[in-house]
Amino acid sequence: MDTNQHNFDTLFTQLGLQTDIDRFVAEHRPLAADLHIWQAPFWSQAQADFLRESIEGDSDWAEMVDELDRRLH
């Protein structure tokens, strides 16, 4: 079982992104209100799948993905 605390740095590392979260959000917001985070056009298929599975499966990443979703909207 993964007992690590997840934060934006670990989420961005998991997604294969640089950890400049503020810059990423500034460059990619706002998302359309009716768009799920994983439907955004800037994700690779693997990233989108990870985000969707995190939310739909209520994984231990879900809280951080929800927070990123909130910031992007």
N, C-alpha and C. Protein backbone atom coordinates (compact mmCIF):
# COMPACT_ATOMS: atom_id res chain seq x y z
N MET A 1 0.84 -1.18 0.00
CA MET A 1 0.00 0.00 0.00
C MET A 1 0.88 1.24 0.00
N ASP A 2 0.54 2.20 -0.83
CA ASP A 2 1.27 3.47 -0.91
C ASP A 2 0.80 4.37 0.22
N THR A 3 1.71 4.67 1.15
CA THR A 3 1.35 5.52 2.28
C THR A 3 1.93 6.92 2.15
N ASN A 4 2.50 7.23 1.00
CA ASN A 4 3.06 8.56 0.78
C ASN A 4 1.96 9.59 0.70
N GLN A 5 2.24 10.78 1.22
CA GLN A 5 1.32 11.90 1.07
C GLN A 5 1.54 12.49 -0.32
N HIS A 6 0.48 12.66 -1.05
CA HIS A 6 0.59 13.24 -2.38
C HIS A 6 0.40 14.75 -2.29
N ASN A 7 1.15 15.46 -3.13
CA ASN A 7 1.03 16.91 -3.24
C ASN A 7 1.19 17.25 -4.71
N PHE A 8 1.18 18.54 -5.03
CA PHE A 8 1.28 18.91 -6.44
C PHE A 8 2.61 18.49 -7.05
N ASP A 9 3.69 18.57 -6.30
CA ASP A 9 4.98 18.14 -6.85
C ASP A 9 4.95 16.67 -7.23
N THR A 10 4.40 15.83 -6.35
CA THR A 10 4.36 14.40 -6.67
C THR A 10 3.36 14.10 -7.78
N LEU A 11 2.26 14.84 -7.84
CA LEU A 11 1.30 14.66 -8.93
C LEU A 11 1.93 15.03 -10.26
N PHE A 12 2.62 16.16 -10.31
CA PHE A 12 3.25 16.58 -11.56
C PHE A 12 4.36 15.61 -11.96
N THR A 13 5.09 15.09 -11.00
CA THR A 13 6.10 14.08 -11.31
C THR A 13 5.43 12.84 -11.88
N GLN A 14 4.32 12.41 -11.27
CA GLN A 14 3.57 11.25 -11.76
C GLN A 14 3.10 11.48 -13.20
N LEU A 15 2.73 12.72 -13.52
CA LEU A 15 2.26 13.05 -14.87
C LEU A 15 3.40 13.31 -15.84
N GLY A 16 4.64 13.30 -15.35
CA GLY A 16 5.79 13.54 -16.21
C GLY A 16 5.97 15.00 -16.58
N LEU A 17 5.52 15.90 -15.70
CA LEU A 17 5.58 17.34 -15.96
C LEU A 17 6.60 18.01 -15.04
N GLN A 18 7.09 19.17 -15.49
CA GLN A 18 7.90 20.01 -14.61
C GLN A 18 7.04 20.43 -13.44
N THR A 19 7.63 20.68 -12.30
CA THR A 19 6.85 20.98 -11.10
C THR A 19 6.60 22.47 -10.91
N ASP A 20 6.60 23.24 -11.98
CA ASP A 20 6.23 24.66 -11.91
C ASP A 20 4.71 24.75 -12.04
N ILE A 21 4.03 24.45 -10.96
CA ILE A 21 2.58 24.33 -10.95
C ILE A 21 1.89 25.64 -11.30
N ASP A 22 2.34 26.74 -10.71
CA ASP A 22 1.71 28.04 -10.97
C ASP A 22 1.79 28.40 -12.45
N ARG A 23 2.92 28.15 -13.06
CA ARG A 23 3.08 28.45 -14.49
C ARG A 23 2.16 27.57 -15.33
N PHE A 24 2.12 26.28 -15.01
CA PHE A 24 1.27 25.35 -15.74
C PHE A 24 -0.19 25.80 -15.68
N VAL A 25 -0.65 26.13 -14.49
CA VAL A 25 -2.05 26.56 -14.32
C VAL A 25 -2.29 27.85 -15.09
N ALA A 26 -1.38 28.80 -15.00
CA ALA A 26 -1.54 30.07 -15.70
C ALA A 26 -1.61 29.87 -17.21
N GLU A 27 -0.84 28.93 -17.73
CA GLU A 27 -0.81 28.68 -19.18
C GLU A 27 -2.02 27.90 -19.68
N HIS A 28 -2.70 27.16 -18.82
CA HIS A 28 -3.75 26.26 -19.28
C HIS A 28 -5.15 26.57 -18.78
N ARG A 29 -5.30 27.60 -18.00
CA ARG A 29 -6.63 27.93 -17.51
C ARG A 29 -7.20 29.06 -18.33
N PRO A 30 -8.45 29.25 -18.38
CA PRO A 30 -9.48 28.44 -17.74
C PRO A 30 -9.96 27.32 -18.66
N LEU A 31 -10.31 26.22 -18.05
CA LEU A 31 -10.98 25.14 -18.79
C LEU A 31 -12.47 25.47 -18.86
N ALA A 32 -13.10 25.04 -19.92
CA ALA A 32 -14.55 25.22 -20.04
C ALA A 32 -15.23 24.51 -18.87
N ALA A 33 -16.27 25.11 -18.37
CA ALA A 33 -16.96 24.59 -17.18
C ALA A 33 -17.47 23.16 -17.37
N ASP A 34 -17.84 22.81 -18.60
CA ASP A 34 -18.40 21.47 -18.84
C ASP A 34 -17.34 20.43 -19.24
N LEU A 35 -16.07 20.80 -19.15
CA LEU A 35 -14.98 19.91 -19.55
C LEU A 35 -14.39 19.23 -18.33
N HIS A 36 -14.35 17.90 -18.35
CA HIS A 36 -13.64 17.17 -17.29
C HIS A 36 -12.15 17.42 -17.44
N ILE A 37 -11.43 17.41 -16.36
CA ILE A 37 -10.00 17.70 -16.41
C ILE A 37 -9.28 16.78 -17.40
N TRP A 38 -9.67 15.52 -17.47
CA TRP A 38 -8.98 14.59 -18.36
C TRP A 38 -9.33 14.81 -19.83
N GLN A 39 -10.33 15.63 -20.11
CA GLN A 39 -10.71 15.92 -21.49
C GLN A 39 -9.96 17.11 -22.07
N ALA A 40 -9.17 17.79 -21.26
CA ALA A 40 -8.43 18.96 -21.74
C ALA A 40 -7.47 18.52 -22.85
N PRO A 41 -7.33 19.34 -23.89
CA PRO A 41 -6.55 18.94 -25.06
C PRO A 41 -5.04 18.89 -24.84
N PHE A 42 -4.55 19.40 -23.75
CA PHE A 42 -3.10 19.46 -23.54
C PHE A 42 -2.52 18.21 -22.89
N TRP A 43 -3.36 17.25 -22.49
CA TRP A 43 -2.85 16.02 -21.89
C TRP A 43 -2.52 14.99 -22.96
N SER A 44 -1.51 14.18 -22.70
CA SER A 44 -1.28 13.01 -23.55
C SER A 44 -2.37 11.99 -23.19
N GLN A 45 -2.51 10.96 -23.99
CA GLN A 45 -3.51 9.93 -23.69
C GLN A 45 -3.22 9.27 -22.35
N ALA A 46 -1.96 8.99 -22.07
CA ALA A 46 -1.60 8.34 -20.80
C ALA A 46 -1.91 9.25 -19.61
N GLN A 47 -1.63 10.54 -19.74
CA GLN A 47 -1.94 11.48 -18.66
C GLN A 47 -3.45 11.57 -18.45
N ALA A 48 -4.20 11.67 -19.54
CA ALA A 48 -5.66 11.76 -19.45
C ALA A 48 -6.23 10.50 -18.79
N ASP A 49 -5.72 9.34 -19.17
CA ASP A 49 -6.18 8.09 -18.57
C ASP A 49 -5.91 8.06 -17.07
N PHE A 50 -4.71 8.50 -16.68
CA PHE A 50 -4.36 8.53 -15.26
C PHE A 50 -5.31 9.45 -14.49
N LEU A 51 -5.57 10.64 -15.02
CA LEU A 51 -6.45 11.59 -14.35
C LEU A 51 -7.87 11.04 -14.23
N ARG A 52 -8.38 10.48 -15.32
CA ARG A 52 -9.74 9.92 -15.31
C ARG A 52 -9.84 8.77 -14.32
N GLU A 53 -8.89 7.85 -14.37
CA GLU A 53 -8.90 6.70 -13.46
C GLU A 53 -8.75 7.13 -12.00
N SER A 54 -7.98 8.18 -11.77
CA SER A 54 -7.81 8.68 -10.40
C SER A 54 -9.13 9.17 -9.83
N ILE A 55 -9.89 9.90 -10.63
CA ILE A 55 -11.17 10.43 -10.18
C ILE A 55 -12.23 9.34 -10.12
N GLU A 56 -12.40 8.62 -11.22
CA GLU A 56 -13.46 7.62 -11.28
C GLU A 56 -13.23 6.47 -10.30
N GLY A 57 -11.97 6.13 -10.07
CA GLY A 57 -11.65 5.05 -9.15
C GLY A 57 -11.44 5.51 -7.72
N ASP A 58 -11.60 6.81 -7.49
CA ASP A 58 -11.39 7.40 -6.17
C ASP A 58 -10.07 6.92 -5.56
N SER A 59 -9.02 7.02 -6.36
CA SER A 59 -7.71 6.56 -5.91
C SER A 59 -7.12 7.53 -4.90
N ASP A 60 -5.96 7.18 -4.37
CA ASP A 60 -5.32 8.07 -3.41
C ASP A 60 -4.82 9.36 -4.07
N TRP A 61 -4.84 9.43 -5.38
CA TRP A 61 -4.49 10.65 -6.11
C TRP A 61 -5.70 11.56 -6.31
N ALA A 62 -6.89 11.09 -6.05
CA ALA A 62 -8.12 11.82 -6.39
C ALA A 62 -8.17 13.21 -5.77
N GLU A 63 -7.74 13.35 -4.54
CA GLU A 63 -7.80 14.66 -3.88
C GLU A 63 -6.92 15.69 -4.60
N MET A 64 -5.72 15.29 -5.00
CA MET A 64 -4.83 16.23 -5.69
C MET A 64 -5.34 16.51 -7.11
N VAL A 65 -5.88 15.50 -7.78
CA VAL A 65 -6.44 15.72 -9.11
C VAL A 65 -7.64 16.66 -9.02
N ASP A 66 -8.48 16.49 -8.01
CA ASP A 66 -9.60 17.41 -7.80
C ASP A 66 -9.12 18.84 -7.58
N GLU A 67 -8.06 19.00 -6.81
CA GLU A 67 -7.53 20.35 -6.55
C GLU A 67 -6.97 20.96 -7.83
N LEU A 68 -6.27 20.17 -8.63
CA LEU A 68 -5.76 20.67 -9.91
C LEU A 68 -6.93 21.05 -10.81
N ASP A 69 -7.96 20.23 -10.84
CA ASP A 69 -9.16 20.52 -11.62
C ASP A 69 -9.77 21.85 -11.19
N ARG A 70 -9.87 22.06 -9.90
CA ARG A 70 -10.43 23.31 -9.38
C ARG A 70 -9.58 24.51 -9.83
N ARG A 71 -8.28 24.37 -9.76
CA ARG A 71 -7.39 25.48 -10.16
C ARG A 71 -7.46 25.77 -11.66
N LEU A 72 -7.64 24.73 -12.45
CA LEU A 72 -7.70 24.92 -13.90
C LEU A 72 -9.03 25.48 -14.37
N HIS A 73 -10.07 25.27 -13.60
CA HIS A 73 -11.37 25.83 -13.96
C HIS A 73 -11.49 27.22 -13.40
